[in-house]
Amino acid sequence: MQYPDSAREAFDKVFRDKVISVLNKVVETDAEGGVVKKAGTVASTFKGNVRFTSLGELQTELGLTESIDIAITCDTSVSVAVDDLLEYKDVVYVADNVLPSDSHLTIVGHKWLK
């Protein structure tokens, strides 16, 4: 059975209403030769559902061993990869896992320490 576009659009309006930015990464070399990664400009944006609560349960459910600070669900057409920098409400996160399912992507990450 195919999921109708009208149902997907209605679902997106209600649940995927937060704007998340994907940031460019700037890699520089400091005076001592160390590599420094910085968050750059906004490369793209997408809408999704953001979750900060019950992350321990989600970690267990998904079989994740690392601690997570954010979980985002979005449309499967969104282009996000592991290690991308994501910004939501002026906080930058690193995408640790991008887990596809038939109806959405689940992106989990941790706060990026600048």
PDB file of N, CA and C in Angstrom:
ATOM      1  N   MET A   1       0.838  -1.176   0.000  1.00  0.00           N
ATOM      2  CA  MET A   1       0.000   0.000   0.000  1.00  0.00           C
ATOM      3  C   MET A   1       0.881   1.236   0.000  1.00  0.00           C
ATOM      4  N   GLN A   2       0.578   2.161  -0.872  1.00  0.00           N
ATOM      5  CA  GLN A   2       1.372   3.381  -0.972  1.00  0.00           C
ATOM      6  C   GLN A   2       0.789   4.458  -0.074  1.00  0.00           C
ATOM      7  N   TYR A   3       1.688   5.151   0.626  1.00  0.00           N
ATOM      8  CA  TYR A   3       1.306   6.237   1.529  1.00  0.00           C
ATOM      9  C   TYR A   3       0.982   7.462   0.676  1.00  0.00           C
ATOM     10  N   PRO A   4      -0.252   7.977   0.710  1.00  0.00           N
ATOM     11  CA  PRO A   4      -0.627   9.095  -0.171  1.00  0.00           C
ATOM     12  C   PRO A   4       0.120  10.387   0.194  1.00  0.00           C
ATOM     13  N   ASP A   5       0.424  11.195  -0.816  1.00  0.00           N
ATOM     14  CA  ASP A   5       1.124  12.467  -0.604  1.00  0.00           C
ATOM     15  C   ASP A   5       0.343  13.386   0.324  1.00  0.00           C
ATOM     16  N   SER A   6      -0.974  13.383   0.246  1.00  0.00           N
ATOM     17  CA  SER A   6      -1.778  14.256   1.098  1.00  0.00           C
ATOM     18  C   SER A   6      -1.599  13.893   2.577  1.00  0.00           C
ATOM     19  N   ALA A   7      -1.491  12.608   2.870  1.00  0.00           N
ATOM     20  CA  ALA A   7      -1.277  12.174   4.259  1.00  0.00           C
ATOM     21  C   ALA A   7       0.113  12.580   4.726  1.00  0.00           C
ATOM     22  N   ARG A   8       1.110  12.441   3.870  1.00  0.00           N
ATOM     23  CA  ARG A   8       2.486  12.838   4.204  1.00  0.00           C
ATOM     24  C   ARG A   8       2.558  14.342   4.469  1.00  0.00           C
ATOM     25  N   GLU A   9       1.888  15.129   3.636  1.00  0.00           N
ATOM     26  CA  GLU A   9       1.885  16.583   3.814  1.00  0.00           C
ATOM     27  C   GLU A   9       1.209  16.978   5.126  1.00  0.00           C
ATOM     28  N   ALA A  10       0.112  16.340   5.467  1.00  0.00           N
ATOM     29  CA  ALA A  10      -0.576  16.630   6.730  1.00  0.00           C
ATOM     30  C   ALA A  10       0.306  16.246   7.914  1.00  0.00           C
ATOM     31  N   PHE A  11       0.961  15.121   7.831  1.00  0.00           N
ATOM     32  CA  PHE A  11       1.866  14.676   8.891  1.00  0.00           C
ATOM     33  C   PHE A  11       3.019  15.664   9.056  1.00  0.00           C
ATOM     34  N   ASP A  12       3.602  16.103   7.941  1.00  0.00           N
ATOM     35  CA  ASP A  12       4.714  17.058   7.989  1.00  0.00           C
ATOM     36  C   ASP A  12       4.307  18.375   8.654  1.00  0.00           C
ATOM     37  N   LYS A  13       3.118  18.866   8.358  1.00  0.00           N
ATOM     38  CA  LYS A  13       2.653  20.129   8.947  1.00  0.00           C
ATOM     39  C   LYS A  13       2.544  20.046  10.460  1.00  0.00           C
ATOM     40  N   VAL A  14       2.119  18.897  10.963  1.00  0.00           N
ATOM     41  CA  VAL A  14       1.891  18.736  12.399  1.00  0.00           C
ATOM     42  C   VAL A  14       3.180  18.376  13.137  1.00  0.00           C
ATOM     43  N   PHE A  15       3.951  17.435  12.616  1.00  0.00           N
ATOM     44  CA  PHE A  15       5.069  16.877  13.371  1.00  0.00           C
ATOM     45  C   PHE A  15       6.442  17.377  12.939  1.00  0.00           C
ATOM     46  N   ARG A  16       6.624  17.687  11.697  1.00  0.00           N
ATOM     47  CA  ARG A  16       7.937  18.120  11.218  1.00  0.00           C
ATOM     48  C   ARG A  16       7.921  19.621  11.009  1.00  0.00           C
ATOM     49  N   ASP A  17       7.859  20.338  12.120  1.00  0.00           N
ATOM     50  CA  ASP A  17       7.673  21.784  12.060  1.00  0.00           C
ATOM     51  C   ASP A  17       8.877  22.578  12.556  1.00  0.00           C
ATOM     52  N   LYS A  18       9.964  21.905  12.915  1.00  0.00           N
ATOM     53  CA  LYS A  18      11.158  22.590  13.403  1.00  0.00           C
ATOM     54  C   LYS A  18      12.168  22.703  12.261  1.00  0.00           C
ATOM     55  N   VAL A  19      12.841  23.853  12.175  1.00  0.00           N
ATOM     56  CA  VAL A  19      13.839  24.057  11.122  1.00  0.00           C
ATOM     57  C   VAL A  19      15.224  23.735  11.679  1.00  0.00           C
ATOM     58  N   ILE A  20      15.915  22.830  11.020  1.00  0.00           N
ATOM     59  CA  ILE A  20      17.257  22.415  11.393  1.00  0.00           C
ATOM     60  C   ILE A  20      18.186  22.806  10.250  1.00  0.00           C
ATOM     61  N   SER A  21      19.346  23.364  10.591  1.00  0.00           N
ATOM     62  CA  SER A  21      20.323  23.766   9.579  1.00  0.00           C
ATOM     63  C   SER A  21      21.465  22.769   9.522  1.00  0.00           C
ATOM     64  N   VAL A  22      21.927  22.480   8.316  1.00  0.00           N
ATOM     65  CA  VAL A  22      23.139  21.698   8.111  1.00  0.00           C
ATOM     66  C   VAL A  22      24.233  22.718   7.823  1.00  0.00           C
ATOM     67  N   LEU A  23      25.310  22.679   8.613  1.00  0.00           N
ATOM     68  CA  LEU A  23      26.370  23.667   8.493  1.00  0.00           C
ATOM     69  C   LEU A  23      27.562  23.123   7.717  1.00  0.00           C
ATOM     70  N   ASN A  24      28.233  24.013   6.984  1.00  0.00           N
ATOM     71  CA  ASN A  24      29.497  23.659   6.360  1.00  0.00           C
ATOM     72  C   ASN A  24      30.549  23.536   7.441  1.00  0.00           C
ATOM     73  N   LYS A  25      31.502  22.629   7.256  1.00  0.00           N
ATOM     74  CA  LYS A  25      32.627  22.491   8.179  1.00  0.00           C
ATOM     75  C   LYS A  25      33.824  23.203   7.589  1.00  0.00           C
ATOM     76  N   VAL A  26      34.478  24.002   8.415  1.00  0.00           N
ATOM     77  CA  VAL A  26      35.692  24.690   8.012  1.00  0.00           C
ATOM     78  C   VAL A  26      36.841  24.030   8.763  1.00  0.00           C
ATOM     79  N   VAL A  27      37.828  23.540   8.031  1.00  0.00           N
ATOM     80  CA  VAL A  27      38.979  22.894   8.650  1.00  0.00           C
ATOM     81  C   VAL A  27      40.183  23.799   8.446  1.00  0.00           C
ATOM     82  N   GLU A  28      40.811  24.178   9.562  1.00  0.00           N
ATOM     83  CA  GLU A  28      41.976  25.066   9.522  1.00  0.00           C
ATOM     84  C   GLU A  28      43.136  24.402  10.250  1.00  0.00           C
ATOM     85  N   THR A  29      44.331  24.863   9.962  1.00  0.00           N
ATOM     86  CA  THR A  29      45.512  24.417  10.676  1.00  0.00           C
ATOM     87  C   THR A  29      45.989  25.568  11.540  1.00  0.00           C
ATOM     88  N   ASP A  30      46.178  25.300  12.835  1.00  0.00           N
ATOM     89  CA  ASP A  30      46.625  26.368  13.732  1.00  0.00           C
ATOM     90  C   ASP A  30      48.141  26.559  13.626  1.00  0.00           C
ATOM     91  N   ALA A  31      48.664  27.501  14.386  1.00  0.00           N
ATOM     92  CA  ALA A  31      50.081  27.861  14.320  1.00  0.00           C
ATOM     93  C   ALA A  31      51.004  26.698  14.683  1.00  0.00           C
ATOM     94  N   GLU A  32      50.510  25.757  15.464  1.00  0.00           N
ATOM     95  CA  GLU A  32      51.333  24.618  15.882  1.00  0.00           C
ATOM     96  C   GLU A  32      51.125  23.390  15.002  1.00  0.00           C
ATOM     97  N   GLY A  33      50.321  23.527  13.955  1.00  0.00           N
ATOM     98  CA  GLY A  33      50.092  22.431  13.023  1.00  0.00           C
ATOM     99  C   GLY A  33      48.900  21.557  13.360  1.00  0.00           C
ATOM    100  N   GLY A  34      48.145  21.919  14.397  1.00  0.00           N
ATOM    101  CA  GLY A  34      46.966  21.146  14.767  1.00  0.00           C
ATOM    102  C   GLY A  34      45.788  21.457  13.860  1.00  0.00           C
ATOM    103  N   VAL A  35      44.961  20.469  13.632  1.00  0.00           N
ATOM    104  CA  VAL A  35      43.774  20.646  12.799  1.00  0.00           C
ATOM    105  C   VAL A  35      42.623  21.121  13.677  1.00  0.00           C
ATOM    106  N   VAL A  36      42.004  22.214  13.255  1.00  0.00           N
ATOM    107  CA  VAL A  36      40.891  22.799  13.997  1.00  0.00           C
ATOM    108  C   VAL A  36      39.664  22.800  13.090  1.00  0.00           C
ATOM    109  N   LYS A  37      38.572  22.185  13.580  1.00  0.00           N
ATOM    110  CA  LYS A  37      37.322  22.175  12.825  1.00  0.00           C
ATOM    111  C   LYS A  37      36.407  23.239  13.403  1.00  0.00           C
ATOM    112  N   LYS A  38      35.801  24.011  12.516  1.00  0.00           N
ATOM    113  CA  LYS A  38      34.865  25.052  12.931  1.00  0.00           C
ATOM    114  C   LYS A  38      33.571  24.916  12.148  1.00  0.00           C
ATOM    115  N   ALA A  39      32.496  25.385  12.777  1.00  0.00           N
ATOM    116  CA  ALA A  39      31.210  25.424  12.078  1.00  0.00           C
ATOM    117  C   ALA A  39      31.221  26.614  11.140  1.00  0.00           C
ATOM    118  N   GLY A  40      30.850  26.375   9.899  1.00  0.00           N
ATOM    119  CA  GLY A  40      30.815  27.442   8.914  1.00  0.00           C
ATOM    120  C   GLY A  40      29.402  27.941   8.679  1.00  0.00           C
ATOM    121  N   THR A  41      29.155  28.342   7.467  1.00  0.00           N
ATOM    122  CA  THR A  41      27.861  28.886   7.087  1.00  0.00           C
ATOM    123  C   THR A  41      26.830  27.779   6.886  1.00  0.00           C
ATOM    124  N   VAL A  42      25.598  28.174   6.765  1.00  0.00           N
ATOM    125  CA  VAL A  42      24.506  27.228   6.554  1.00  0.00           C
ATOM    126  C   VAL A  42      24.567  26.690   5.114  1.00  0.00           C
ATOM    127  N   ALA A  43      24.678  25.379   4.996  1.00  0.00           N
ATOM    128  CA  ALA A  43      24.708  24.740   3.679  1.00  0.00           C
ATOM    129  C   ALA A  43      23.293  24.447   3.183  1.00  0.00           C
ATOM    130  N   SER A  44      22.413  24.035   4.107  1.00  0.00           N
ATOM    131  CA  SER A  44      21.029  23.738   3.753  1.00  0.00           C
ATOM    132  C   SER A  44      20.200  23.692   5.030  1.00  0.00           C
ATOM    133  N   THR A  45      18.895  23.641   4.858  1.00  0.00           N
ATOM    134  CA  THR A  45      17.984  23.504   5.992  1.00  0.00           C
ATOM    135  C   THR A  45      16.949  22.438   5.653  1.00  0.00           C
ATOM    136  N   PHE A  46      16.362  21.876   6.675  1.00  0.00           N
ATOM    137  CA  PHE A  46      15.262  20.941   6.491  1.00  0.00           C
ATOM    138  C   PHE A  46      14.356  21.029   7.706  1.00  0.00           C
ATOM    139  N   LYS A  47      13.155  20.504   7.554  1.00  0.00           N
ATOM    140  CA  LYS A  47      12.202  20.491   8.658  1.00  0.00           C
ATOM    141  C   LYS A  47      12.132  19.094   9.248  1.00  0.00           C
ATOM    142  N   GLY A  48      12.015  19.052  10.571  1.00  0.00           N
ATOM    143  CA  GLY A  48      11.954  17.769  11.243  1.00  0.00           C
ATOM    144  C   GLY A  48      11.300  17.898  12.602  1.00  0.00           C
ATOM    145  N   ASN A  49      11.233  16.787  13.296  1.00  0.00           N
ATOM    146  CA  ASN A  49      10.731  16.742  14.659  1.00  0.00           C
ATOM    147  C   ASN A  49      11.944  16.549  15.560  1.00  0.00           C
ATOM    148  N   VAL A  50      12.083  17.389  16.584  1.00  0.00           N
ATOM    149  CA  VAL A  50      13.239  17.362  17.469  1.00  0.00           C
ATOM    150  C   VAL A  50      12.821  16.812  18.823  1.00  0.00           C
ATOM    151  N   ARG A  51      13.649  15.927  19.355  1.00  0.00           N
ATOM    152  CA  ARG A  51      13.339  15.284  20.633  1.00  0.00           C
ATOM    153  C   ARG A  51      14.545  15.385  21.564  1.00  0.00           C
ATOM    154  N   PHE A  52      14.291  15.831  22.791  1.00  0.00           N
ATOM    155  CA  PHE A  52      15.328  15.927  23.810  1.00  0.00           C
ATOM    156  C   PHE A  52      15.039  15.024  25.006  1.00  0.00           C
ATOM    157  N   THR A  53      13.847  14.480  25.101  1.00  0.00           N
ATOM    158  CA  THR A  53      13.446  13.673  26.252  1.00  0.00           C
ATOM    159  C   THR A  53      13.472  12.190  25.911  1.00  0.00           C
ATOM    160  N   SER A  54      13.591  11.371  26.924  1.00  0.00           N
ATOM    161  CA  SER A  54      13.584   9.906  26.787  1.00  0.00           C
ATOM    162  C   SER A  54      14.667   9.410  25.834  1.00  0.00           C
ATOM    163  N   LEU A  55      15.803  10.101  25.811  1.00  0.00           N
ATOM    164  CA  LEU A  55      16.860   9.703  24.889  1.00  0.00           C
ATOM    165  C   LEU A  55      17.505   8.381  25.316  1.00  0.00           C
ATOM    166  N   GLY A  56      17.522   8.115  26.626  1.00  0.00           N
ATOM    167  CA  GLY A  56      18.059   6.838  27.104  1.00  0.00           C
ATOM    168  C   GLY A  56      17.263   5.669  26.564  1.00  0.00           C
ATOM    169  N   GLU A  57      15.950   5.814  26.565  1.00  0.00           N
ATOM    170  CA  GLU A  57      15.081   4.769  26.009  1.00  0.00           C
ATOM    171  C   GLU A  57      15.354   4.582  24.519  1.00  0.00           C
ATOM    172  N   LEU A  58      15.521   5.695  23.814  1.00  0.00           N
ATOM    173  CA  LEU A  58      15.796   5.630  22.377  1.00  0.00           C
ATOM    174  C   LEU A  58      17.139   4.943  22.127  1.00  0.00           C
ATOM    175  N   GLN A  59      18.154   5.269  22.928  1.00  0.00           N
ATOM    176  CA  GLN A  59      19.458   4.622  22.796  1.00  0.00           C
ATOM    177  C   GLN A  59      19.319   3.107  22.936  1.00  0.00           C
ATOM    178  N   THR A  60      18.579   2.676  23.935  1.00  0.00           N
ATOM    179  CA  THR A  60      18.370   1.251  24.163  1.00  0.00           C
ATOM    180  C   THR A  60      17.607   0.628  23.002  1.00  0.00           C
ATOM    181  N   GLU A  61      16.548   1.307  22.563  1.00  0.00           N
ATOM    182  CA  GLU A  61      15.717   0.801  21.468  1.00  0.00           C
ATOM    183  C   GLU A  61      16.519   0.624  20.182  1.00  0.00           C
ATOM    184  N   LEU A  62      17.427   1.587  19.911  1.00  0.00           N
ATOM    185  CA  LEU A  62      18.214   1.548  18.678  1.00  0.00           C
ATOM    186  C   LEU A  62      19.521   0.777  18.834  1.00  0.00           C
ATOM    187  N   GLY A  63      19.844   0.357  20.072  1.00  0.00           N
ATOM    188  CA  GLY A  63      21.078  -0.391  20.306  1.00  0.00           C
ATOM    189  C   GLY A  63      22.330   0.477  20.247  1.00  0.00           C
ATOM    190  N   LEU A  64      22.193   1.743  20.619  1.00  0.00           N
ATOM    191  CA  LEU A  64      23.330   2.667  20.577  1.00  0.00           C
ATOM    192  C   LEU A  64      24.090   2.630  21.900  1.00  0.00           C
ATOM    193  N   THR A  65      25.416   2.678  21.821  1.00  0.00           N
ATOM    194  CA  THR A  65      26.222   2.665  23.033  1.00  0.00           C
ATOM    195  C   THR A  65      26.657   4.068  23.457  1.00  0.00           C
ATOM    196  N   GLU A  66      26.752   4.987  22.514  1.00  0.00           N
ATOM    197  CA  GLU A  66      27.177   6.341  22.842  1.00  0.00           C
ATOM    198  C   GLU A  66      26.006   7.169  23.362  1.00  0.00           C
ATOM    199  N   SER A  67      26.333   8.144  24.184  1.00  0.00           N
ATOM    200  CA  SER A  67      25.323   9.039  24.739  1.00  0.00           C
ATOM    201  C   SER A  67      24.868  10.027  23.664  1.00  0.00           C
ATOM    202  N   ILE A  68      23.575  10.325  23.640  1.00  0.00           N
ATOM    203  CA  ILE A  68      23.059  11.270  22.651  1.00  0.00           C
ATOM    204  C   ILE A  68      22.369  12.432  23.350  1.00  0.00           C
ATOM    205  N   ASP A  69      22.413  13.593  22.701  1.00  0.00           N
ATOM    206  CA  ASP A  69      21.806  14.810  23.238  1.00  0.00           C
ATOM    207  C   ASP A  69      20.575  15.250  22.460  1.00  0.00           C
ATOM    208  N   ILE A  70      20.403  14.712  21.249  1.00  0.00           N
ATOM    209  CA  ILE A  70      19.286  15.123  20.395  1.00  0.00           C
ATOM    210  C   ILE A  70      18.901  13.969  19.475  1.00  0.00           C
ATOM    211  N   ALA A  71      17.620  13.883  19.178  1.00  0.00           N
ATOM    212  CA  ALA A  71      17.109  12.942  18.177  1.00  0.00           C
ATOM    213  C   ALA A  71      16.195  13.731  17.245  1.00  0.00           C
ATOM    214  N   ILE A  72      16.421  13.581  15.968  1.00  0.00           N
ATOM    215  CA  ILE A  72      15.639  14.300  14.950  1.00  0.00           C
ATOM    216  C   ILE A  72      15.048  13.271  14.004  1.00  0.00           C
ATOM    217  N   THR A  73      13.756  13.394  13.731  1.00  0.00           N
ATOM    218  CA  THR A  73      13.155  12.594  12.673  1.00  0.00           C
ATOM    219  C   THR A  73      12.770  13.536  11.545  1.00  0.00           C
ATOM    220  N   CYS A  74      12.978  13.083  10.324  1.00  0.00           N
ATOM    221  CA  CYS A  74      12.699  13.923   9.152  1.00  0.00           C
ATOM    222  C   CYS A  74      12.364  13.031   7.964  1.00  0.00           C
ATOM    223  N   ASP A  75      12.016  13.658   6.874  1.00  0.00           N
ATOM    224  CA  ASP A  75      11.662  12.953   5.654  1.00  0.00           C
ATOM    225  C   ASP A  75      12.873  12.196   5.109  1.00  0.00           C
ATOM    226  N   THR A  76      12.625  11.101   4.441  1.00  0.00           N
ATOM    227  CA  THR A  76      13.712  10.279   3.890  1.00  0.00           C
ATOM    228  C   THR A  76      14.482  10.984   2.773  1.00  0.00           C
ATOM    229  N   SER A  77      13.946  12.056   2.233  1.00  0.00           N
ATOM    230  CA  SER A  77      14.634  12.778   1.156  1.00  0.00           C
ATOM    231  C   SER A  77      15.718  13.723   1.666  1.00  0.00           C
ATOM    232  N   VAL A  78      15.798  13.929   2.976  1.00  0.00           N
ATOM    233  CA  VAL A  78      16.792  14.836   3.556  1.00  0.00           C
ATOM    234  C   VAL A  78      18.177  14.217   3.414  1.00  0.00           C
ATOM    235  N   SER A  79      19.136  15.056   2.997  1.00  0.00           N
ATOM    236  CA  SER A  79      20.510  14.599   2.806  1.00  0.00           C
ATOM    237  C   SER A  79      21.359  15.001   4.008  1.00  0.00           C
ATOM    238  N   VAL A  80      21.564  14.058   4.923  1.00  0.00           N
ATOM    239  CA  VAL A  80      22.388  14.255   6.107  1.00  0.00           C
ATOM    240  C   VAL A  80      23.256  13.015   6.262  1.00  0.00           C
ATOM    241  N   ALA A  81      24.524  13.228   6.630  1.00  0.00           N
ATOM    242  CA  ALA A  81      25.446  12.112   6.804  1.00  0.00           C
ATOM    243  C   ALA A  81      26.052  12.143   8.200  1.00  0.00           C
ATOM    244  N   VAL A  82      26.592  11.022   8.614  1.00  0.00           N
ATOM    245  CA  VAL A  82      27.298  10.947   9.888  1.00  0.00           C
ATOM    246  C   VAL A  82      28.438  11.967   9.870  1.00  0.00           C
ATOM    247  N   ASP A  83      28.622  12.661  10.967  1.00  0.00           N
ATOM    248  CA  ASP A  83      29.651  13.684  11.177  1.00  0.00           C
ATOM    249  C   ASP A  83      29.257  15.055  10.629  1.00  0.00           C
ATOM    250  N   ASP A  84      28.063  15.193  10.052  1.00  0.00           N
ATOM    251  CA  ASP A  84      27.590  16.523   9.641  1.00  0.00           C
ATOM    252  C   ASP A  84      27.317  17.346  10.888  1.00  0.00           C
ATOM    253  N   LEU A  85      27.473  18.662  10.759  1.00  0.00           N
ATOM    254  CA  LEU A  85      27.135  19.586  11.837  1.00  0.00           C
ATOM    255  C   LEU A  85      25.727  20.094  11.610  1.00  0.00           C
ATOM    256  N   LEU A  86      24.893  19.979  12.631  1.00  0.00           N
ATOM    257  CA  LEU A  86      23.500  20.408  12.567  1.00  0.00           C
ATOM    258  C   LEU A  86      23.268  21.470  13.631  1.00  0.00           C
ATOM    259  N   GLU A  87      22.508  22.501  13.285  1.00  0.00           N
ATOM    260  CA  GLU A  87      22.221  23.559  14.246  1.00  0.00           C
ATOM    261  C   GLU A  87      20.717  23.660  14.463  1.00  0.00           C
ATOM    262  N   TYR A  88      20.350  23.687  15.743  1.00  0.00           N
ATOM    263  CA  TYR A  88      18.960  23.884  16.113  1.00  0.00           C
ATOM    264  C   TYR A  88      18.931  24.808  17.317  1.00  0.00           C
ATOM    265  N   LYS A  89      18.210  25.913  17.194  1.00  0.00           N
ATOM    266  CA  LYS A  89      18.080  26.915  18.262  1.00  0.00           C
ATOM    267  C   LYS A  89      19.449  27.353  18.793  1.00  0.00           C
ATOM    268  N   ASP A  90      20.354  27.698  17.874  1.00  0.00           N
ATOM    269  CA  ASP A  90      21.685  28.234  18.190  1.00  0.00           C
ATOM    270  C   ASP A  90      22.614  27.256  18.904  1.00  0.00           C
ATOM    271  N   VAL A  91      22.291  25.979  18.907  1.00  0.00           N
ATOM    272  CA  VAL A  91      23.180  24.961  19.462  1.00  0.00           C
ATOM    273  C   VAL A  91      23.602  24.054  18.304  1.00  0.00           C
ATOM    274  N   VAL A  92      24.902  23.745  18.242  1.00  0.00           N
ATOM    275  CA  VAL A  92      25.423  22.911  17.165  1.00  0.00           C
ATOM    276  C   VAL A  92      25.606  21.484  17.683  1.00  0.00           C
ATOM    277  N   TYR A  93      25.174  20.534  16.862  1.00  0.00           N
ATOM    278  CA  TYR A  93      25.260  19.112  17.180  1.00  0.00           C
ATOM    279  C   TYR A  93      26.015  18.396  16.069  1.00  0.00           C
ATOM    280  N   VAL A  94      26.633  17.275  16.404  1.00  0.00           N
ATOM    281  CA  VAL A  94      27.277  16.414  15.417  1.00  0.00           C
ATOM    282  C   VAL A  94      26.379  15.204  15.214  1.00  0.00           C
ATOM    283  N   ALA A  95      26.086  14.879  13.973  1.00  0.00           N
ATOM    284  CA  ALA A  95      25.265  13.699  13.665  1.00  0.00           C
ATOM    285  C   ALA A  95      26.113  12.446  13.887  1.00  0.00           C
ATOM    286  N   ASP A  96      25.720  11.628  14.871  1.00  0.00           N
ATOM    287  CA  ASP A  96      26.446  10.393  15.181  1.00  0.00           C
ATOM    288  C   ASP A  96      25.931   9.216  14.363  1.00  0.00           C
ATOM    289  N   ASN A  97      24.633   9.182  14.141  1.00  0.00           N
ATOM    290  CA  ASN A  97      24.004   8.101  13.374  1.00  0.00           C
ATOM    291  C   ASN A  97      22.861   8.676  12.556  1.00  0.00           C
ATOM    292  N   VAL A  98      22.713   8.177  11.342  1.00  0.00           N
ATOM    293  CA  VAL A  98      21.579   8.503  10.484  1.00  0.00           C
ATOM    294  C   VAL A  98      20.944   7.169  10.130  1.00  0.00           C
ATOM    295  N   LEU A  99      19.783   6.932  10.729  1.00  0.00           N
ATOM    296  CA  LEU A  99      19.146   5.618  10.632  1.00  0.00           C
ATOM    297  C   LEU A  99      17.883   5.699   9.775  1.00  0.00           C
ATOM    298  N   PRO A 100      17.918   5.112   8.579  1.00  0.00           N
ATOM    299  CA  PRO A 100      16.730   5.165   7.713  1.00  0.00           C
ATOM    300  C   PRO A 100      15.694   4.120   8.093  1.00  0.00           C
ATOM    301  N   SER A 101      14.453   4.478   7.875  1.00  0.00           N
ATOM    302  CA  SER A 101      13.362   3.505   7.953  1.00  0.00           C
ATOM    303  C   SER A 101      12.498   3.733   6.719  1.00  0.00           C
ATOM    304  N   ASP A 102      11.398   3.031   6.607  1.00  0.00           N
ATOM    305  CA  ASP A 102      10.582   3.165   5.409  1.00  0.00           C
ATOM    306  C   ASP A 102       9.871   4.514   5.319  1.00  0.00           C
ATOM    307  N   SER A 103       9.599   5.159   6.442  1.00  0.00           N
ATOM    308  CA  SER A 103       8.832   6.405   6.404  1.00  0.00           C
ATOM    309  C   SER A 103       9.609   7.652   6.812  1.00  0.00           C
ATOM    310  N   HIS A 104      10.800   7.487   7.417  1.00  0.00           N
ATOM    311  CA  HIS A 104      11.535   8.653   7.899  1.00  0.00           C
ATOM    312  C   HIS A 104      13.001   8.307   8.174  1.00  0.00           C
ATOM    313  N   LEU A 105      13.790   9.332   8.421  1.00  0.00           N
ATOM    314  CA  LEU A 105      15.156   9.165   8.915  1.00  0.00           C
ATOM    315  C   LEU A 105      15.160   9.529  10.391  1.00  0.00           C
ATOM    316  N   THR A 106      15.937   8.821  11.178  1.00  0.00           N
ATOM    317  CA  THR A 106      16.183   9.208  12.552  1.00  0.00           C
ATOM    318  C   THR A 106      17.653   9.596  12.637  1.00  0.00           C
ATOM    319  N   ILE A 107      17.902  10.827  13.047  1.00  0.00           N
ATOM    320  CA  ILE A 107      19.255  11.345  13.185  1.00  0.00           C
ATOM    321  C   ILE A 107      19.497  11.547  14.679  1.00  0.00           C
ATOM    322  N   VAL A 108      20.540  10.941  15.209  1.00  0.00           N
ATOM    323  CA  VAL A 108      20.888  11.146  16.609  1.00  0.00           C
ATOM    324  C   VAL A 108      22.266  11.772  16.685  1.00  0.00           C
ATOM    325  N   GLY A 109      22.461  12.642  17.674  1.00  0.00           N
ATOM    326  CA  GLY A 109      23.739  13.316  17.764  1.00  0.00           C
ATOM    327  C   GLY A 109      24.041  13.814  19.160  1.00  0.00           C
ATOM    328  N   HIS A 110      25.213  14.401  19.281  1.00  0.00           N
ATOM    329  CA  HIS A 110      25.646  14.983  20.550  1.00  0.00           C
ATOM    330  C   HIS A 110      26.039  16.436  20.317  1.00  0.00           C
ATOM    331  N   LYS A 111      26.055  17.206  21.410  1.00  0.00           N
ATOM    332  CA  LYS A 111      26.453  18.606  21.301  1.00  0.00           C
ATOM    333  C   LYS A 111      27.892  18.687  20.853  1.00  0.00           C
ATOM    334  N   TRP A 112      28.139  19.603  19.927  1.00  0.00           N
ATOM    335  CA  TRP A 112      29.476  19.800  19.393  1.00  0.00           C
ATOM    336  C   TRP A 112      30.213  20.772  20.303  1.00  0.00           C
ATOM    337  N   LEU A 113      31.350  20.327  20.784  1.00  0.00           N
ATOM    338  CA  LEU A 113      32.179  21.189  21.627  1.00  0.00           C
ATOM    339  C   LEU A 113      33.142  21.931  20.732  1.00  0.00           C
ATOM    340  N   LYS A 114      33.001  23.223  20.687  1.00  0.00           N
ATOM    341  CA  LYS A 114      33.790  24.058  19.789  1.00  0.00           C
ATOM    342  C   LYS A 114      35.241  24.093  20.164  1.00  0.00           C
TER     343      LYS A 114
END
